[in-house]
Amino acid sequence: MVGPRDWKAANKARYIYDLRRKNILSWPEIKKIVGGSLADLKSSCDAYKVYENNFKTLYDEPTDADKRKFS
């Protein structure tokens, strides 16, 4: 068995963002589960929100892209 591992920053931020966006858990509940300082958790959530709203669509592959080509 493997013990707990550190989260990748992007995965942790996405998880926190989803919990808050869907209003699943409060900040104190997230802090208890995820750990770390409340300021860091909020900062991660805010950073992912900026990514989600401004950059994600730039990097997502279009659904009609030709999958036989790559560059």
PDB file of N, CA and C in Angstrom:
ATOM      1  N   MET A   1       0.842  -1.176   0.000  1.00  0.00           N
ATOM      2  CA  MET A   1       0.000   0.000   0.000  1.00  0.00           C
ATOM      3  C   MET A   1       0.883   1.234   0.000  1.00  0.00           C
ATOM      4  N   VAL A   2       0.373   2.253  -0.605  1.00  0.00           N
ATOM      5  CA  VAL A   2       1.091   3.517  -0.722  1.00  0.00           C
ATOM      6  C   VAL A   2       0.396   4.550   0.163  1.00  0.00           C
ATOM      7  N   GLY A   3       1.166   5.325   0.866  1.00  0.00           N
ATOM      8  CA  GLY A   3       0.611   6.369   1.725  1.00  0.00           C
ATOM      9  C   GLY A   3       0.135   7.569   0.928  1.00  0.00           C
ATOM     10  N   PRO A   4      -0.340   8.600   1.611  1.00  0.00           N
ATOM     11  CA  PRO A   4      -0.811   9.796   0.922  1.00  0.00           C
ATOM     12  C   PRO A   4       0.304  10.454   0.111  1.00  0.00           C
ATOM     13  N   ARG A   5      -0.067  11.035  -0.974  1.00  0.00           N
ATOM     14  CA  ARG A   5       0.891  11.730  -1.835  1.00  0.00           C
ATOM     15  C   ARG A   5       0.479  13.186  -1.984  1.00  0.00           C
ATOM     16  N   ASP A   6       1.467  14.016  -2.302  1.00  0.00           N
ATOM     17  CA  ASP A   6       1.172  15.426  -2.552  1.00  0.00           C
ATOM     18  C   ASP A   6       0.363  15.563  -3.832  1.00  0.00           C
ATOM     19  N   TRP A   7      -0.515  16.564  -3.839  1.00  0.00           N
ATOM     20  CA  TRP A   7      -1.324  16.856  -5.011  1.00  0.00           C
ATOM     21  C   TRP A   7      -0.494  17.645  -6.009  1.00  0.00           C
ATOM     22  N   LYS A   8      -0.761  17.447  -7.286  1.00  0.00           N
ATOM     23  CA  LYS A   8      -0.255  18.369  -8.290  1.00  0.00           C
ATOM     24  C   LYS A   8      -1.065  19.646  -8.125  1.00  0.00           C
ATOM     25  N   ALA A   9      -0.413  20.784  -8.266  1.00  0.00           N
ATOM     26  CA  ALA A   9      -1.063  22.072  -7.994  1.00  0.00           C
ATOM     27  C   ALA A   9      -2.326  22.278  -8.833  1.00  0.00           C
ATOM     28  N   ALA A  10      -2.266  21.930 -10.111  1.00  0.00           N
ATOM     29  CA  ALA A  10      -3.431  22.136 -10.984  1.00  0.00           C
ATOM     30  C   ALA A  10      -4.597  21.235 -10.579  1.00  0.00           C
ATOM     31  N   ASN A  11      -4.315  20.006 -10.206  1.00  0.00           N
ATOM     32  CA  ASN A  11      -5.373  19.085  -9.777  1.00  0.00           C
ATOM     33  C   ASN A  11      -6.034  19.554  -8.491  1.00  0.00           C
ATOM     34  N   LYS A  12      -5.227  20.012  -7.564  1.00  0.00           N
ATOM     35  CA  LYS A  12      -5.740  20.513  -6.295  1.00  0.00           C
ATOM     36  C   LYS A  12      -6.604  21.747  -6.524  1.00  0.00           C
ATOM     37  N   ALA A  13      -6.131  22.654  -7.366  1.00  0.00           N
ATOM     38  CA  ALA A  13      -6.883  23.881  -7.654  1.00  0.00           C
ATOM     39  C   ALA A  13      -8.212  23.556  -8.327  1.00  0.00           C
ATOM     40  N   ARG A  14      -8.211  22.622  -9.283  1.00  0.00           N
ATOM     41  CA  ARG A  14      -9.445  22.243  -9.976  1.00  0.00           C
ATOM     42  C   ARG A  14     -10.440  21.619  -8.995  1.00  0.00           C
ATOM     43  N   TYR A  15      -9.953  20.774  -8.100  1.00  0.00           N
ATOM     44  CA  TYR A  15     -10.805  20.132  -7.105  1.00  0.00           C
ATOM     45  C   TYR A  15     -11.457  21.174  -6.196  1.00  0.00           C
ATOM     46  N   ILE A  16     -10.658  22.095  -5.696  1.00  0.00           N
ATOM     47  CA  ILE A  16     -11.176  23.144  -4.814  1.00  0.00           C
ATOM     48  C   ILE A  16     -12.181  24.023  -5.561  1.00  0.00           C
ATOM     49  N   TYR A  17     -11.831  24.381  -6.793  1.00  0.00           N
ATOM     50  CA  TYR A  17     -12.713  25.216  -7.611  1.00  0.00           C
ATOM     51  C   TYR A  17     -14.066  24.532  -7.824  1.00  0.00           C
ATOM     52  N   ASP A  18     -14.050  23.242  -8.148  1.00  0.00           N
ATOM     53  CA  ASP A  18     -15.298  22.508  -8.362  1.00  0.00           C
ATOM     54  C   ASP A  18     -16.130  22.419  -7.085  1.00  0.00           C
ATOM     55  N   LEU A  19     -15.491  22.196  -5.968  1.00  0.00           N
ATOM     56  CA  LEU A  19     -16.226  22.130  -4.696  1.00  0.00           C
ATOM     57  C   LEU A  19     -16.911  23.447  -4.380  1.00  0.00           C
ATOM     58  N   ARG A  20     -16.237  24.546  -4.641  1.00  0.00           N
ATOM     59  CA  ARG A  20     -16.826  25.859  -4.349  1.00  0.00           C
ATOM     60  C   ARG A  20     -17.857  26.255  -5.403  1.00  0.00           C
ATOM     61  N   ARG A  21     -17.562  25.999  -6.681  1.00  0.00           N
ATOM     62  CA  ARG A  21     -18.477  26.383  -7.764  1.00  0.00           C
ATOM     63  C   ARG A  21     -19.814  25.659  -7.630  1.00  0.00           C
ATOM     64  N   LYS A  22     -19.760  24.395  -7.248  1.00  0.00           N
ATOM     65  CA  LYS A  22     -20.977  23.601  -7.083  1.00  0.00           C
ATOM     66  C   LYS A  22     -21.569  23.737  -5.684  1.00  0.00           C
ATOM     67  N   ASN A  23     -20.918  24.555  -4.857  1.00  0.00           N
ATOM     68  CA  ASN A  23     -21.365  24.817  -3.489  1.00  0.00           C
ATOM     69  C   ASN A  23     -21.527  23.515  -2.700  1.00  0.00           C
ATOM     70  N   ILE A  24     -20.554  22.622  -2.841  1.00  0.00           N
ATOM     71  CA  ILE A  24     -20.589  21.325  -2.164  1.00  0.00           C
ATOM     72  C   ILE A  24     -20.088  21.447  -0.727  1.00  0.00           C
ATOM     73  N   LEU A  25     -18.959  22.153  -0.548  1.00  0.00           N
ATOM     74  CA  LEU A  25     -18.371  22.300   0.780  1.00  0.00           C
ATOM     75  C   LEU A  25     -18.057  23.763   1.058  1.00  0.00           C
ATOM     76  N   SER A  26     -18.040  24.095   2.338  1.00  0.00           N
ATOM     77  CA  SER A  26     -17.635  25.444   2.760  1.00  0.00           C
ATOM     78  C   SER A  26     -16.107  25.497   2.821  1.00  0.00           C
ATOM     79  N   TRP A  27     -15.577  26.714   2.941  1.00  0.00           N
ATOM     80  CA  TRP A  27     -14.116  26.862   3.043  1.00  0.00           C
ATOM     81  C   TRP A  27     -13.530  26.110   4.237  1.00  0.00           C
ATOM     82  N   PRO A  28     -14.143  26.187   5.430  1.00  0.00           N
ATOM     83  CA  PRO A  28     -13.577  25.422   6.560  1.00  0.00           C
ATOM     84  C   PRO A  28     -13.588  23.903   6.316  1.00  0.00           C
ATOM     85  N   GLU A  29     -14.619  23.401   5.639  1.00  0.00           N
ATOM     86  CA  GLU A  29     -14.680  21.968   5.339  1.00  0.00           C
ATOM     87  C   GLU A  29     -13.592  21.575   4.339  1.00  0.00           C
ATOM     88  N   ILE A  30     -13.379  22.424   3.328  1.00  0.00           N
ATOM     89  CA  ILE A  30     -12.333  22.156   2.345  1.00  0.00           C
ATOM     90  C   ILE A  30     -10.970  22.166   3.021  1.00  0.00           C
ATOM     91  N   LYS A  31     -10.752  23.145   3.901  1.00  0.00           N
ATOM     92  CA  LYS A  31      -9.477  23.243   4.611  1.00  0.00           C
ATOM     93  C   LYS A  31      -9.227  21.987   5.439  1.00  0.00           C
ATOM     94  N   LYS A  32     -10.263  21.477   6.065  1.00  0.00           N
ATOM     95  CA  LYS A  32     -10.122  20.285   6.894  1.00  0.00           C
ATOM     96  C   LYS A  32      -9.769  19.058   6.043  1.00  0.00           C
ATOM     97  N   ILE A  33     -10.353  18.949   4.868  1.00  0.00           N
ATOM     98  CA  ILE A  33     -10.122  17.790   4.002  1.00  0.00           C
ATOM     99  C   ILE A  33      -8.800  17.894   3.244  1.00  0.00           C
ATOM    100  N   VAL A  34      -8.566  19.054   2.625  1.00  0.00           N
ATOM    101  CA  VAL A  34      -7.413  19.221   1.746  1.00  0.00           C
ATOM    102  C   VAL A  34      -6.160  19.609   2.524  1.00  0.00           C
ATOM    103  N   GLY A  35      -6.333  20.403   3.565  1.00  0.00           N
ATOM    104  CA  GLY A  35      -5.196  20.873   4.339  1.00  0.00           C
ATOM    105  C   GLY A  35      -4.607  22.142   3.761  1.00  0.00           C
ATOM    106  N   GLY A  36      -3.680  22.720   4.464  1.00  0.00           N
ATOM    107  CA  GLY A  36      -3.064  23.966   4.028  1.00  0.00           C
ATOM    108  C   GLY A  36      -3.777  25.169   4.624  1.00  0.00           C
ATOM    109  N   SER A  37      -3.252  26.335   4.307  1.00  0.00           N
ATOM    110  CA  SER A  37      -3.861  27.558   4.846  1.00  0.00           C
ATOM    111  C   SER A  37      -5.052  27.969   3.989  1.00  0.00           C
ATOM    112  N   LEU A  38      -5.983  28.643   4.613  1.00  0.00           N
ATOM    113  CA  LEU A  38      -7.173  29.108   3.920  1.00  0.00           C
ATOM    114  C   LEU A  38      -6.804  30.085   2.804  1.00  0.00           C
ATOM    115  N   ALA A  39      -5.810  30.932   3.044  1.00  0.00           N
ATOM    116  CA  ALA A  39      -5.371  31.892   2.026  1.00  0.00           C
ATOM    117  C   ALA A  39      -4.828  31.173   0.791  1.00  0.00           C
ATOM    118  N   ASP A  40      -4.043  30.116   0.992  1.00  0.00           N
ATOM    119  CA  ASP A  40      -3.504  29.350  -0.140  1.00  0.00           C
ATOM    120  C   ASP A  40      -4.610  28.636  -0.910  1.00  0.00           C
ATOM    121  N   LEU A  41      -5.580  28.101  -0.193  1.00  0.00           N
ATOM    122  CA  LEU A  41      -6.692  27.416  -0.847  1.00  0.00           C
ATOM    123  C   LEU A  41      -7.501  28.384  -1.704  1.00  0.00           C
ATOM    124  N   LYS A  42      -7.779  29.563  -1.146  1.00  0.00           N
ATOM    125  CA  LYS A  42      -8.539  30.568  -1.907  1.00  0.00           C
ATOM    126  C   LYS A  42      -7.739  31.068  -3.104  1.00  0.00           C
ATOM    127  N   SER A  43      -6.443  31.223  -2.930  1.00  0.00           N
ATOM    128  CA  SER A  43      -5.588  31.661  -4.027  1.00  0.00           C
ATOM    129  C   SER A  43      -5.579  30.630  -5.154  1.00  0.00           C
ATOM    130  N   SER A  44      -5.491  29.362  -4.813  1.00  0.00           N
ATOM    131  CA  SER A  44      -5.532  28.298  -5.808  1.00  0.00           C
ATOM    132  C   SER A  44      -6.864  28.294  -6.546  1.00  0.00           C
ATOM    133  N   CYS A  45      -7.940  28.463  -5.801  1.00  0.00           N
ATOM    134  CA  CYS A  45      -9.277  28.494  -6.398  1.00  0.00           C
ATOM    135  C   CYS A  45      -9.413  29.677  -7.355  1.00  0.00           C
ATOM    136  N   ASP A  46      -8.958  30.833  -6.931  1.00  0.00           N
ATOM    137  CA  ASP A  46      -9.021  32.032  -7.781  1.00  0.00           C
ATOM    138  C   ASP A  46      -8.182  31.866  -9.039  1.00  0.00           C
ATOM    139  N   ALA A  47      -7.002  31.281  -8.894  1.00  0.00           N
ATOM    140  CA  ALA A  47      -6.129  31.068 -10.051  1.00  0.00           C
ATOM    141  C   ALA A  47      -6.779  30.113 -11.045  1.00  0.00           C
ATOM    142  N   TYR A  48      -7.405  29.049 -10.551  1.00  0.00           N
ATOM    143  CA  TYR A  48      -8.056  28.114 -11.468  1.00  0.00           C
ATOM    144  C   TYR A  48      -9.264  28.766 -12.134  1.00  0.00           C
ATOM    145  N   LYS A  49      -9.954  29.626 -11.400  1.00  0.00           N
ATOM    146  CA  LYS A  49     -11.100  30.343 -11.977  1.00  0.00           C
ATOM    147  C   LYS A  49     -10.641  31.211 -13.148  1.00  0.00           C
ATOM    148  N   VAL A  50      -9.517  31.897 -13.006  1.00  0.00           N
ATOM    149  CA  VAL A  50      -8.974  32.708 -14.089  1.00  0.00           C
ATOM    150  C   VAL A  50      -8.633  31.820 -15.280  1.00  0.00           C
ATOM    151  N   TYR A  51      -7.990  30.696 -15.017  1.00  0.00           N
ATOM    152  CA  TYR A  51      -7.643  29.751 -16.083  1.00  0.00           C
ATOM    153  C   TYR A  51      -8.904  29.257 -16.785  1.00  0.00           C
ATOM    154  N   GLU A  52      -9.877  28.821 -16.016  1.00  0.00           N
ATOM    155  CA  GLU A  52     -11.120  28.268 -16.562  1.00  0.00           C
ATOM    156  C   GLU A  52     -11.846  29.286 -17.444  1.00  0.00           C
ATOM    157  N   ASN A  53     -11.907  30.526 -16.992  1.00  0.00           N
ATOM    158  CA  ASN A  53     -12.673  31.550 -17.696  1.00  0.00           C
ATOM    159  C   ASN A  53     -11.919  32.222 -18.833  1.00  0.00           C
ATOM    160  N   ASN A  54     -10.585  32.188 -18.826  1.00  0.00           N
ATOM    161  CA  ASN A  54      -9.835  32.943 -19.819  1.00  0.00           C
ATOM    162  C   ASN A  54      -8.948  32.113 -20.730  1.00  0.00           C
ATOM    163  N   PHE A  55      -8.385  31.027 -20.238  1.00  0.00           N
ATOM    164  CA  PHE A  55      -7.378  30.318 -21.007  1.00  0.00           C
ATOM    165  C   PHE A  55      -7.770  28.914 -21.444  1.00  0.00           C
ATOM    166  N   LYS A  56      -8.649  28.267 -20.713  1.00  0.00           N
ATOM    167  CA  LYS A  56      -8.969  26.866 -21.003  1.00  0.00           C
ATOM    168  C   LYS A  56      -9.484  26.693 -22.425  1.00  0.00           C
ATOM    169  N   THR A  57     -10.333  27.583 -22.872  1.00  0.00           N
ATOM    170  CA  THR A  57     -10.882  27.451 -24.215  1.00  0.00           C
ATOM    171  C   THR A  57      -9.808  27.614 -25.290  1.00  0.00           C
ATOM    172  N   LEU A  58      -8.730  28.324 -24.985  1.00  0.00           N
ATOM    173  CA  LEU A  58      -7.649  28.486 -25.952  1.00  0.00           C
ATOM    174  C   LEU A  58      -6.863  27.196 -26.152  1.00  0.00           C
ATOM    175  N   TYR A  59      -6.813  26.376 -25.117  1.00  0.00           N
ATOM    176  CA  TYR A  59      -5.999  25.164 -25.166  1.00  0.00           C
ATOM    177  C   TYR A  59      -6.798  23.894 -25.389  1.00  0.00           C
ATOM    178  N   ASP A  60      -8.105  23.963 -25.266  1.00  0.00           N
ATOM    179  CA  ASP A  60      -8.922  22.773 -25.530  1.00  0.00           C
ATOM    180  C   ASP A  60      -8.959  22.510 -27.022  1.00  0.00           C
ATOM    181  N   GLU A  61      -8.876  21.253 -27.357  1.00  0.00           N
ATOM    182  CA  GLU A  61      -8.895  20.859 -28.759  1.00  0.00           C
ATOM    183  C   GLU A  61     -10.310  20.977 -29.300  1.00  0.00           C
ATOM    184  N   PRO A  62     -10.481  21.565 -30.485  1.00  0.00           N
ATOM    185  CA  PRO A  62     -11.819  21.629 -31.071  1.00  0.00           C
ATOM    186  C   PRO A  62     -12.350  20.224 -31.343  1.00  0.00           C
ATOM    187  N   THR A  63     -13.649  20.066 -31.225  1.00  0.00           N
ATOM    188  CA  THR A  63     -14.239  18.738 -31.395  1.00  0.00           C
ATOM    189  C   THR A  63     -14.180  18.271 -32.835  1.00  0.00           C
ATOM    190  N   ASP A  64     -14.086  19.190 -33.795  1.00  0.00           N
ATOM    191  CA  ASP A  64     -14.054  18.800 -35.187  1.00  0.00           C
ATOM    192  C   ASP A  64     -12.630  18.732 -35.755  1.00  0.00           C
ATOM    193  N   ALA A  65     -11.635  18.699 -34.891  1.00  0.00           N
ATOM    194  CA  ALA A  65     -10.239  18.644 -35.349  1.00  0.00           C
ATOM    195  C   ALA A  65      -9.967  17.296 -36.016  1.00  0.00           C
ATOM    196  N   ASP A  66      -9.139  17.324 -37.036  1.00  0.00           N
ATOM    197  CA  ASP A  66      -8.746  16.106 -37.735  1.00  0.00           C
ATOM    198  C   ASP A  66      -7.745  15.342 -36.887  1.00  0.00           C
ATOM    199  N   LYS A  67      -8.157  14.226 -36.357  1.00  0.00           N
ATOM    200  CA  LYS A  67      -7.321  13.457 -35.422  1.00  0.00           C
ATOM    201  C   LYS A  67      -6.196  12.680 -36.135  1.00  0.00           C
ATOM    202  N   ARG A  68      -6.229  12.618 -37.472  1.00  0.00           N
ATOM    203  CA  ARG A  68      -5.199  11.903 -38.208  1.00  0.00           C
ATOM    204  C   ARG A  68      -3.942  12.748 -38.379  1.00  0.00           C
ATOM    205  N   LYS A  69      -4.053  14.049 -38.172  1.00  0.00           N
ATOM    206  CA  LYS A  69      -2.901  14.946 -38.326  1.00  0.00           C
ATOM    207  C   LYS A  69      -2.383  15.329 -36.949  1.00  0.00           C
ATOM    208  N   PHE A  70      -1.119  15.584 -36.874  1.00  0.00           N
ATOM    209  CA  PHE A  70      -0.543  16.104 -35.643  1.00  0.00           C
ATOM    210  C   PHE A  70       0.682  16.907 -35.998  1.00  0.00           C
ATOM    211  N   SER A  71       0.999  17.837 -35.127  1.00  0.00           N
ATOM    212  CA  SER A  71       2.158  18.691 -35.386  1.00  0.00           C
ATOM    213  C   SER A  71       2.920  18.932 -34.109  1.00  0.00           C
TER     214      SER A  71
END
